[in-house]
Amino acid sequence: MDQQEMSFVMHTPEGDITMQVLFTFFSEETKANYILFTPDDLDSGKPPRLSAARYDPEDMTRIMPLQGDMDRDVVQSFINYISSTPRDEVEKTVSIL
């Protein structure tokens, strides 16, 4: 699978922060699209801080907060899956950016 790097700028009260997109996925359970991203340099050797949100696949600039416990459970299940599954298996089922 070809990897492409994708990033976006998040405007915060502290200033603009560049976020690197790590994964996108769709949940059949919630019928929503999710995005995992980090402000951290993945080459630093340190574990990245992860953030998650819903997004609109028709307009990637529309990132929306998670909506309650169900969304958090879906994201946590996804993180558990990618953490415990060989990369080649993950690549068959999700978008790795």
PDB file of N, CA and C in Angstrom:
ATOM      1  N   MET A   1       0.839  -1.173   0.000  1.00  0.00           N
ATOM      2  CA  MET A   1       0.000   0.000   0.000  1.00  0.00           C
ATOM      3  C   MET A   1       0.887   1.239   0.000  1.00  0.00           C
ATOM      4  N   ASP A   2       0.609   2.178  -0.874  1.00  0.00           N
ATOM      5  CA  ASP A   2       1.332   3.436  -0.866  1.00  0.00           C
ATOM      6  C   ASP A   2       0.868   4.271   0.314  1.00  0.00           C
ATOM      7  N   GLN A   3       1.828   4.842   0.995  1.00  0.00           N
ATOM      8  CA  GLN A   3       1.472   5.731   2.094  1.00  0.00           C
ATOM      9  C   GLN A   3       1.594   7.161   1.614  1.00  0.00           C
ATOM     10  N   GLN A   4       0.667   7.977   2.030  1.00  0.00           N
ATOM     11  CA  GLN A   4       0.726   9.387   1.722  1.00  0.00           C
ATOM     12  C   GLN A   4       0.629  10.128   3.051  1.00  0.00           C
ATOM     13  N   GLU A   5       1.368  11.174   3.148  1.00  0.00           N
ATOM     14  CA  GLU A   5       1.322  11.947   4.375  1.00  0.00           C
ATOM     15  C   GLU A   5       0.257  13.015   4.243  1.00  0.00           C
ATOM     16  N   MET A   6      -0.558  13.110   5.265  1.00  0.00           N
ATOM     17  CA  MET A   6      -1.618  14.103   5.253  1.00  0.00           C
ATOM     18  C   MET A   6      -1.560  14.867   6.565  1.00  0.00           C
ATOM     19  N   SER A   7      -1.693  16.168   6.481  1.00  0.00           N
ATOM     20  CA  SER A   7      -1.697  16.981   7.690  1.00  0.00           C
ATOM     21  C   SER A   7      -2.681  18.118   7.525  1.00  0.00           C
ATOM     22  N   PHE A   8      -3.000  18.748   8.649  1.00  0.00           N
ATOM     23  CA  PHE A   8      -3.859  19.916   8.619  1.00  0.00           C
ATOM     24  C   PHE A   8      -3.457  20.813   9.779  1.00  0.00           C
ATOM     25  N   VAL A   9      -3.879  22.048   9.718  1.00  0.00           N
ATOM     26  CA  VAL A   9      -3.568  23.010  10.771  1.00  0.00           C
ATOM     27  C   VAL A   9      -4.809  23.202  11.625  1.00  0.00           C
ATOM     28  N   MET A  10      -4.627  23.012  12.931  1.00  0.00           N
ATOM     29  CA  MET A  10      -5.716  23.246  13.875  1.00  0.00           C
ATOM     30  C   MET A  10      -5.463  24.594  14.544  1.00  0.00           C
ATOM     31  N   HIS A  11      -6.461  25.445  14.497  1.00  0.00           N
ATOM     32  CA  HIS A  11      -6.361  26.770  15.101  1.00  0.00           C
ATOM     33  C   HIS A  11      -6.825  26.663  16.551  1.00  0.00           C
ATOM     34  N   THR A  12      -5.938  26.975  17.495  1.00  0.00           N
ATOM     35  CA  THR A  12      -6.251  26.897  18.922  1.00  0.00           C
ATOM     36  C   THR A  12      -5.984  28.257  19.568  1.00  0.00           C
ATOM     37  N   PRO A  13      -6.488  28.475  20.778  1.00  0.00           N
ATOM     38  CA  PRO A  13      -6.190  29.735  21.473  1.00  0.00           C
ATOM     39  C   PRO A  13      -4.682  29.945  21.684  1.00  0.00           C
ATOM     40  N   GLU A  14      -3.940  28.850  21.778  1.00  0.00           N
ATOM     41  CA  GLU A  14      -2.488  28.949  21.970  1.00  0.00           C
ATOM     42  C   GLU A  14      -1.736  29.186  20.663  1.00  0.00           C
ATOM     43  N   GLY A  15      -2.416  29.085  19.542  1.00  0.00           N
ATOM     44  CA  GLY A  15      -1.790  29.272  18.239  1.00  0.00           C
ATOM     45  C   GLY A  15      -2.117  28.127  17.307  1.00  0.00           C
ATOM     46  N   ASP A  16      -1.606  28.190  16.101  1.00  0.00           N
ATOM     47  CA  ASP A  16      -1.841  27.151  15.098  1.00  0.00           C
ATOM     48  C   ASP A  16      -0.941  25.956  15.372  1.00  0.00           C
ATOM     49  N   ILE A  17      -1.509  24.754  15.263  1.00  0.00           N
ATOM     50  CA  ILE A  17      -0.767  23.519  15.480  1.00  0.00           C
ATOM     51  C   ILE A  17      -0.961  22.630  14.262  1.00  0.00           C
ATOM     52  N   THR A  18       0.137  22.157  13.674  1.00  0.00           N
ATOM     53  CA  THR A  18       0.051  21.228  12.550  1.00  0.00           C
ATOM     54  C   THR A  18      -0.180  19.826  13.089  1.00  0.00           C
ATOM     55  N   MET A  19      -1.207  19.174  12.601  1.00  0.00           N
ATOM     56  CA  MET A  19      -1.574  17.817  13.006  1.00  0.00           C
ATOM     57  C   MET A  19      -1.297  16.862  11.856  1.00  0.00           C
ATOM     58  N   GLN A  20      -0.717  15.734  12.178  1.00  0.00           N
ATOM     59  CA  GLN A  20      -0.482  14.699  11.177  1.00  0.00           C
ATOM     60  C   GLN A  20      -1.579  13.645  11.313  1.00  0.00           C
ATOM     61  N   VAL A  21      -2.243  13.346  10.204  1.00  0.00           N
ATOM     62  CA  VAL A  21      -3.291  12.332  10.194  1.00  0.00           C
ATOM     63  C   VAL A  21      -2.626  10.952  10.184  1.00  0.00           C
ATOM     64  N   LEU A  22      -3.069  10.095  11.094  1.00  0.00           N
ATOM     65  CA  LEU A  22      -2.508   8.751  11.197  1.00  0.00           C
ATOM     66  C   LEU A  22      -3.412   7.702  10.549  1.00  0.00           C
ATOM     67  N   PHE A  23      -4.701   7.769  10.839  1.00  0.00           N
ATOM     68  CA  PHE A  23      -5.660   6.799  10.319  1.00  0.00           C
ATOM     69  C   PHE A  23      -7.001   7.476  10.099  1.00  0.00           C
ATOM     70  N   THR A  24      -7.731   6.932   9.151  1.00  0.00           N
ATOM     71  CA  THR A  24      -9.154   7.242   9.012  1.00  0.00           C
ATOM     72  C   THR A  24      -9.879   5.908   8.930  1.00  0.00           C
ATOM     73  N   PHE A  25     -11.098   5.876   9.461  1.00  0.00           N
ATOM     74  CA  PHE A  25     -11.885   4.643   9.367  1.00  0.00           C
ATOM     75  C   PHE A  25     -13.356   4.957   9.506  1.00  0.00           C
ATOM     76  N   PHE A  26     -14.170   4.019   9.038  1.00  0.00           N
ATOM     77  CA  PHE A  26     -15.627   4.119   9.104  1.00  0.00           C
ATOM     78  C   PHE A  26     -16.133   3.057  10.060  1.00  0.00           C
ATOM     79  N   SER A  27     -17.094   3.402  10.886  1.00  0.00           N
ATOM     80  CA  SER A  27     -17.704   2.448  11.802  1.00  0.00           C
ATOM     81  C   SER A  27     -19.096   2.086  11.316  1.00  0.00           C
ATOM     82  N   GLU A  28     -19.318   0.812  11.078  1.00  0.00           N
ATOM     83  CA  GLU A  28     -20.657   0.339  10.728  1.00  0.00           C
ATOM     84  C   GLU A  28     -21.611   0.536  11.902  1.00  0.00           C
ATOM     85  N   GLU A  29     -21.062   0.419  13.102  1.00  0.00           N
ATOM     86  CA  GLU A  29     -21.873   0.523  14.317  1.00  0.00           C
ATOM     87  C   GLU A  29     -22.510   1.905  14.471  1.00  0.00           C
ATOM     88  N   THR A  30     -21.726   2.954  14.236  1.00  0.00           N
ATOM     89  CA  THR A  30     -22.232   4.318  14.404  1.00  0.00           C
ATOM     90  C   THR A  30     -22.542   5.006  13.083  1.00  0.00           C
ATOM     91  N   LYS A  31     -22.156   4.374  11.978  1.00  0.00           N
ATOM     92  CA  LYS A  31     -22.326   4.955  10.639  1.00  0.00           C
ATOM     93  C   LYS A  31     -21.614   6.301  10.524  1.00  0.00           C
ATOM     94  N   ALA A  32     -20.433   6.387  11.164  1.00  0.00           N
ATOM     95  CA  ALA A  32     -19.671   7.640  11.167  1.00  0.00           C
ATOM     96  C   ALA A  32     -18.242   7.374  10.717  1.00  0.00           C
ATOM     97  N   ASN A  33     -17.607   8.417  10.182  1.00  0.00           N
ATOM     98  CA  ASN A  33     -16.200   8.380   9.798  1.00  0.00           C
ATOM     99  C   ASN A  33     -15.379   9.012  10.911  1.00  0.00           C
ATOM    100  N   TYR A  34     -14.230   8.397  11.196  1.00  0.00           N
ATOM    101  CA  TYR A  34     -13.356   8.871  12.267  1.00  0.00           C
ATOM    102  C   TYR A  34     -11.960   9.132  11.726  1.00  0.00           C
ATOM    103  N   ILE A  35     -11.252  10.025  12.412  1.00  0.00           N
ATOM    104  CA  ILE A  35      -9.895  10.370  12.053  1.00  0.00           C
ATOM    105  C   ILE A  35      -9.061  10.374  13.341  1.00  0.00           C
ATOM    106  N   LEU A  36      -7.886   9.752  13.279  1.00  0.00           N
ATOM    107  CA  LEU A  36      -6.917   9.796  14.380  1.00  0.00           C
ATOM    108  C   LEU A  36      -5.749  10.640  13.922  1.00  0.00           C
ATOM    109  N   PHE A  37      -5.310  11.564  14.779  1.00  0.00           N
ATOM    110  CA  PHE A  37      -4.237  12.464  14.393  1.00  0.00           C
ATOM    111  C   PHE A  37      -3.388  12.819  15.605  1.00  0.00           C
ATOM    112  N   THR A  38      -2.217  13.401  15.333  1.00  0.00           N
ATOM    113  CA  THR A  38      -1.289  13.766  16.394  1.00  0.00           C
ATOM    114  C   THR A  38      -0.549  15.051  16.033  1.00  0.00           C
ATOM    115  N   PRO A  39      -0.174  15.832  17.066  1.00  0.00           N
ATOM    116  CA  PRO A  39       0.679  16.988  16.808  1.00  0.00           C
ATOM    117  C   PRO A  39       2.159  16.613  16.883  1.00  0.00           C
ATOM    118  N   ASP A  40       2.450  15.372  17.230  1.00  0.00           N
ATOM    119  CA  ASP A  40       3.817  14.949  17.513  1.00  0.00           C
ATOM    120  C   ASP A  40       4.563  14.458  16.282  1.00  0.00           C
ATOM    121  N   ASP A  41       5.878  14.583  16.334  1.00  0.00           N
ATOM    122  CA  ASP A  41       6.767  14.065  15.300  1.00  0.00           C
ATOM    123  C   ASP A  41       6.878  12.553  15.495  1.00  0.00           C
ATOM    124  N   LEU A  42       6.461  11.798  14.510  1.00  0.00           N
ATOM    125  CA  LEU A  42       6.476  10.338  14.630  1.00  0.00           C
ATOM    126  C   LEU A  42       7.875   9.759  14.582  1.00  0.00           C
ATOM    127  N   ASP A  43       8.847  10.525  14.141  1.00  0.00           N
ATOM    128  CA  ASP A  43      10.227  10.056  14.070  1.00  0.00           C
ATOM    129  C   ASP A  43      11.009  10.347  15.351  1.00  0.00           C
ATOM    130  N   SER A  44      10.344  10.896  16.370  1.00  0.00           N
ATOM    131  CA  SER A  44      11.045  11.288  17.593  1.00  0.00           C
ATOM    132  C   SER A  44      11.395  10.097  18.483  1.00  0.00           C
ATOM    133  N   GLY A  45      10.761   8.942  18.250  1.00  0.00           N
ATOM    134  CA  GLY A  45      10.998   7.782  19.095  1.00  0.00           C
ATOM    135  C   GLY A  45      10.096   7.747  20.319  1.00  0.00           C
ATOM    136  N   LYS A  46       9.350   8.804  20.539  1.00  0.00           N
ATOM    137  CA  LYS A  46       8.423   8.865  21.663  1.00  0.00           C
ATOM    138  C   LYS A  46       7.025   8.475  21.199  1.00  0.00           C
ATOM    139  N   PRO A  47       6.233   7.861  22.079  1.00  0.00           N
ATOM    140  CA  PRO A  47       4.848   7.549  21.692  1.00  0.00           C
ATOM    141  C   PRO A  47       4.079   8.838  21.404  1.00  0.00           C
ATOM    142  N   PRO A  48       3.350   8.871  20.295  1.00  0.00           N
ATOM    143  CA  PRO A  48       2.610  10.094  19.959  1.00  0.00           C
ATOM    144  C   PRO A  48       1.364  10.254  20.826  1.00  0.00           C
ATOM    145  N   ARG A  49       1.007  11.494  21.071  1.00  0.00           N
ATOM    146  CA  ARG A  49      -0.277  11.794  21.706  1.00  0.00           C
ATOM    147  C   ARG A  49      -1.332  11.698  20.610  1.00  0.00           C
ATOM    148  N   LEU A  50      -2.377  10.929  20.861  1.00  0.00           N
ATOM    149  CA  LEU A  50      -3.416  10.734  19.857  1.00  0.00           C
ATOM    150  C   LEU A  50      -4.635  11.578  20.168  1.00  0.00           C
ATOM    151  N   SER A  51      -5.224  12.096  19.119  1.00  0.00           N
ATOM    152  CA  SER A  51      -6.518  12.765  19.203  1.00  0.00           C
ATOM    153  C   SER A  51      -7.421  12.103  18.176  1.00  0.00           C
ATOM    154  N   ALA A  52      -8.709  12.108  18.461  1.00  0.00           N
ATOM    155  CA  ALA A  52      -9.679  11.501  17.555  1.00  0.00           C
ATOM    156  C   ALA A  52     -10.852  12.450  17.376  1.00  0.00           C
ATOM    157  N   ALA A  53     -11.470  12.347  16.208  1.00  0.00           N
ATOM    158  CA  ALA A  53     -12.644  13.166  15.906  1.00  0.00           C
ATOM    159  C   ALA A  53     -13.449  12.468  14.820  1.00  0.00           C
ATOM    160  N   ARG A  54     -14.649  12.932  14.639  1.00  0.00           N
ATOM    161  CA  ARG A  54     -15.435  12.541  13.467  1.00  0.00           C
ATOM    162  C   ARG A  54     -15.021  13.476  12.334  1.00  0.00           C
ATOM    163  N   TYR A  55     -15.208  13.027  11.096  1.00  0.00           N
ATOM    164  CA  TYR A  55     -14.952  13.917   9.960  1.00  0.00           C
ATOM    165  C   TYR A  55     -15.913  13.607   8.835  1.00  0.00           C
ATOM    166  N   ASP A  56     -16.033  14.556   7.945  1.00  0.00           N
ATOM    167  CA  ASP A  56     -16.892  14.429   6.771  1.00  0.00           C
ATOM    168  C   ASP A  56     -16.004  14.041   5.594  1.00  0.00           C
ATOM    169  N   PRO A  57     -16.151  12.825   5.039  1.00  0.00           N
ATOM    170  CA  PRO A  57     -15.280  12.408   3.935  1.00  0.00           C
ATOM    171  C   PRO A  57     -15.468  13.228   2.665  1.00  0.00           C
ATOM    172  N   GLU A  58     -16.583  13.939   2.554  1.00  0.00           N
ATOM    173  CA  GLU A  58     -16.822  14.806   1.401  1.00  0.00           C
ATOM    174  C   GLU A  58     -16.132  16.153   1.564  1.00  0.00           C
ATOM    175  N   ASP A  59     -15.791  16.493   2.801  1.00  0.00           N
ATOM    176  CA  ASP A  59     -15.150  17.773   3.094  1.00  0.00           C
ATOM    177  C   ASP A  59     -14.203  17.574   4.277  1.00  0.00           C
ATOM    178  N   MET A  60     -12.962  17.214   3.984  1.00  0.00           N
ATOM    179  CA  MET A  60     -11.990  16.884   5.022  1.00  0.00           C
ATOM    180  C   MET A  60     -11.697  18.062   5.958  1.00  0.00           C
ATOM    181  N   THR A  61     -12.150  19.256   5.609  1.00  0.00           N
ATOM    182  CA  THR A  61     -11.937  20.387   6.513  1.00  0.00           C
ATOM    183  C   THR A  61     -12.964  20.390   7.642  1.00  0.00           C
ATOM    184  N   ARG A  62     -13.975  19.543   7.552  1.00  0.00           N
ATOM    185  CA  ARG A  62     -15.006  19.468   8.594  1.00  0.00           C
ATOM    186  C   ARG A  62     -14.656  18.371   9.589  1.00  0.00           C
ATOM    187  N   ILE A  63     -13.996  18.757  10.660  1.00  0.00           N
ATOM    188  CA  ILE A  63     -13.648  17.836  11.739  1.00  0.00           C
ATOM    189  C   ILE A  63     -14.524  18.195  12.930  1.00  0.00           C
ATOM    190  N   MET A  64     -15.230  17.176  13.436  1.00  0.00           N
ATOM    191  CA  MET A  64     -16.198  17.408  14.509  1.00  0.00           C
ATOM    192  C   MET A  64     -15.827  16.581  15.736  1.00  0.00           C
ATOM    193  N   PRO A  65     -16.171  17.063  16.921  1.00  0.00           N
ATOM    194  CA  PRO A  65     -15.826  16.312  18.137  1.00  0.00           C
ATOM    195  C   PRO A  65     -16.542  14.965  18.200  1.00  0.00           C
ATOM    196  N   LEU A  66     -15.959  14.057  18.973  1.00  0.00           N
ATOM    197  CA  LEU A  66     -16.629  12.783  19.235  1.00  0.00           C
ATOM    198  C   LEU A  66     -17.924  13.068  19.977  1.00  0.00           C
ATOM    199  N   GLN A  67     -18.909  12.172  19.777  1.00  0.00           N
ATOM    200  CA  GLN A  67     -20.240  12.394  20.341  1.00  0.00           C
ATOM    201  C   GLN A  67     -20.577  11.358  21.400  1.00  0.00           C
ATOM    202  N   GLY A  68     -19.946  11.444  22.538  1.00  0.00           N
ATOM    203  CA  GLY A  68     -20.322  10.602  23.665  1.00  0.00           C
ATOM    204  C   GLY A  68     -19.546   9.300  23.783  1.00  0.00           C
ATOM    205  N   ASP A  69     -20.035   8.480  24.686  1.00  0.00           N
ATOM    206  CA  ASP A  69     -19.352   7.230  25.039  1.00  0.00           C
ATOM    207  C   ASP A  69     -19.250   6.249  23.875  1.00  0.00           C
ATOM    208  N   MET A  70     -20.282   6.184  23.042  1.00  0.00           N
ATOM    209  CA  MET A  70     -20.253   5.240  21.915  1.00  0.00           C
ATOM    210  C   MET A  70     -19.092   5.575  20.979  1.00  0.00           C
ATOM    211  N   ASP A  71     -18.913   6.835  20.652  1.00  0.00           N
ATOM    212  CA  ASP A  71     -17.789   7.237  19.798  1.00  0.00           C
ATOM    213  C   ASP A  71     -16.456   6.891  20.469  1.00  0.00           C
ATOM    214  N   ARG A  72     -16.339   7.205  21.756  1.00  0.00           N
ATOM    215  CA  ARG A  72     -15.083   6.899  22.458  1.00  0.00           C
ATOM    216  C   ARG A  72     -14.815   5.398  22.472  1.00  0.00           C
ATOM    217  N   ASP A  73     -15.863   4.592  22.641  1.00  0.00           N
ATOM    218  CA  ASP A  73     -15.693   3.131  22.619  1.00  0.00           C
ATOM    219  C   ASP A  73     -15.254   2.639  21.244  1.00  0.00           C
ATOM    220  N   VAL A  74     -15.840   3.201  20.187  1.00  0.00           N
ATOM    221  CA  VAL A  74     -15.468   2.814  18.819  1.00  0.00           C
ATOM    222  C   VAL A  74     -13.998   3.151  18.563  1.00  0.00           C
ATOM    223  N   VAL A  75     -13.582   4.349  18.952  1.00  0.00           N
ATOM    224  CA  VAL A  75     -12.194   4.765  18.742  1.00  0.00           C
ATOM    225  C   VAL A  75     -11.246   3.891  19.570  1.00  0.00           C
ATOM    226  N   GLN A  76     -11.590   3.616  20.822  1.00  0.00           N
ATOM    227  CA  GLN A  76     -10.727   2.785  21.660  1.00  0.00           C
ATOM    228  C   GLN A  76     -10.618   1.374  21.097  1.00  0.00           C
ATOM    229  N   SER A  77     -11.711   0.829  20.603  1.00  0.00           N
ATOM    230  CA  SER A  77     -11.673  -0.500  19.972  1.00  0.00           C
ATOM    231  C   SER A  77     -10.762  -0.500  18.753  1.00  0.00           C
ATOM    232  N   PHE A  78     -10.813   0.582  17.968  1.00  0.00           N
ATOM    233  CA  PHE A  78      -9.953   0.692  16.794  1.00  0.00           C
ATOM    234  C   PHE A  78      -8.482   0.757  17.212  1.00  0.00           C
ATOM    235  N   ILE A  79      -8.183   1.568  18.224  1.00  0.00           N
ATOM    236  CA  ILE A  79      -6.804   1.666  18.712  1.00  0.00           C
ATOM    237  C   ILE A  79      -6.324   0.316  19.222  1.00  0.00           C
ATOM    238  N   ASN A  80      -7.167  -0.392  19.949  1.00  0.00           N
ATOM    239  CA  ASN A  80      -6.800  -1.736  20.427  1.00  0.00           C
ATOM    240  C   ASN A  80      -6.518  -2.668  19.254  1.00  0.00           C
ATOM    241  N   TYR A  81      -7.351  -2.580  18.206  1.00  0.00           N
ATOM    242  CA  TYR A  81      -7.168  -3.418  17.023  1.00  0.00           C
ATOM    243  C   TYR A  81      -5.833  -3.137  16.337  1.00  0.00           C
ATOM    244  N   ILE A  82      -5.534  -1.862  16.074  1.00  0.00           N
ATOM    245  CA  ILE A  82      -4.294  -1.562  15.350  1.00  0.00           C
ATOM    246  C   ILE A  82      -3.060  -1.810  16.209  1.00  0.00           C
ATOM    247  N   SER A  83      -3.240  -1.783  17.526  1.00  0.00           N
ATOM    248  CA  SER A  83      -2.114  -2.035  18.430  1.00  0.00           C
ATOM    249  C   SER A  83      -1.776  -3.515  18.547  1.00  0.00           C
ATOM    250  N   SER A  84      -2.751  -4.364  18.269  1.00  0.00           N
ATOM    251  CA  SER A  84      -2.549  -5.795  18.486  1.00  0.00           C
ATOM    252  C   SER A  84      -2.570  -6.627  17.204  1.00  0.00           C
ATOM    253  N   THR A  85      -2.661  -5.975  16.051  1.00  0.00           N
ATOM    254  CA  THR A  85      -2.773  -6.672  14.774  1.00  0.00           C
ATOM    255  C   THR A  85      -1.562  -6.352  13.912  1.00  0.00           C
ATOM    256  N   PRO A  86      -1.002  -7.376  13.228  1.00  0.00           N
ATOM    257  CA  PRO A  86       0.137  -7.101  12.343  1.00  0.00           C
ATOM    258  C   PRO A  86      -0.214  -6.051  11.285  1.00  0.00           C
ATOM    259  N   ARG A  87       0.768  -5.212  10.976  1.00  0.00           N
ATOM    260  CA  ARG A  87       0.551  -4.088  10.061  1.00  0.00           C
ATOM    261  C   ARG A  87      -0.048  -4.533   8.718  1.00  0.00           C
ATOM    262  N   ASP A  88       0.419  -5.634   8.143  1.00  0.00           N
ATOM    263  CA  ASP A  88      -0.107  -6.050   6.842  1.00  0.00           C
ATOM    264  C   ASP A  88      -1.589  -6.397   6.919  1.00  0.00           C
ATOM    265  N   GLU A  89      -2.048  -6.897   8.056  1.00  0.00           N
ATOM    266  CA  GLU A  89      -3.469  -7.179   8.224  1.00  0.00           C
ATOM    267  C   GLU A  89      -4.275  -5.885   8.379  1.00  0.00           C
ATOM    268  N   VAL A  90      -3.711  -4.945   9.126  1.00  0.00           N
ATOM    269  CA  VAL A  90      -4.371  -3.645   9.300  1.00  0.00           C
ATOM    270  C   VAL A  90      -4.510  -2.945   7.954  1.00  0.00           C
ATOM    271  N   GLU A  91      -3.463  -2.987   7.133  1.00  0.00           N
ATOM    272  CA  GLU A  91      -3.475  -2.320   5.826  1.00  0.00           C
ATOM    273  C   GLU A  91      -4.589  -2.832   4.920  1.00  0.00           C
ATOM    274  N   LYS A  92      -5.027  -4.051   5.126  1.00  0.00           N
ATOM    275  CA  LYS A  92      -6.092  -4.618   4.303  1.00  0.00           C
ATOM    276  C   LYS A  92      -7.467  -4.046   4.660  1.00  0.00           C
ATOM    277  N   THR A  93      -7.593  -3.467   5.866  1.00  0.00           N
ATOM    278  CA  THR A  93      -8.920  -3.081   6.327  1.00  0.00           C
ATOM    279  C   THR A  93      -9.101  -1.604   6.623  1.00  0.00           C
ATOM    280  N   VAL A  94      -8.045  -0.825   6.771  1.00  0.00           N
ATOM    281  CA  VAL A  94      -8.203   0.590   7.109  1.00  0.00           C
ATOM    282  C   VAL A  94      -7.275   1.453   6.264  1.00  0.00           C
ATOM    283  N   SER A  95      -7.562   2.744   6.251  1.00  0.00           N
ATOM    284  CA  SER A  95      -6.698   3.695   5.557  1.00  0.00           C
ATOM    285  C   SER A  95      -5.575   4.103   6.494  1.00  0.00           C
ATOM    286  N   ILE A  96      -4.353   3.805   6.093  1.00  0.00           N
ATOM    287  CA  ILE A  96      -3.193   4.228   6.845  1.00  0.00           C
ATOM    288  C   ILE A  96      -2.565   5.360   6.063  1.00  0.00           C
ATOM    289  N   LEU A  97      -2.482   6.510   6.667  1.00  0.00           N
ATOM    290  CA  LEU A  97      -1.988   7.687   5.959  1.00  0.00           C
ATOM    291  C   LEU A  97      -0.601   8.028   6.425  1.00  0.00           C
TER     292      LEU A  97
END
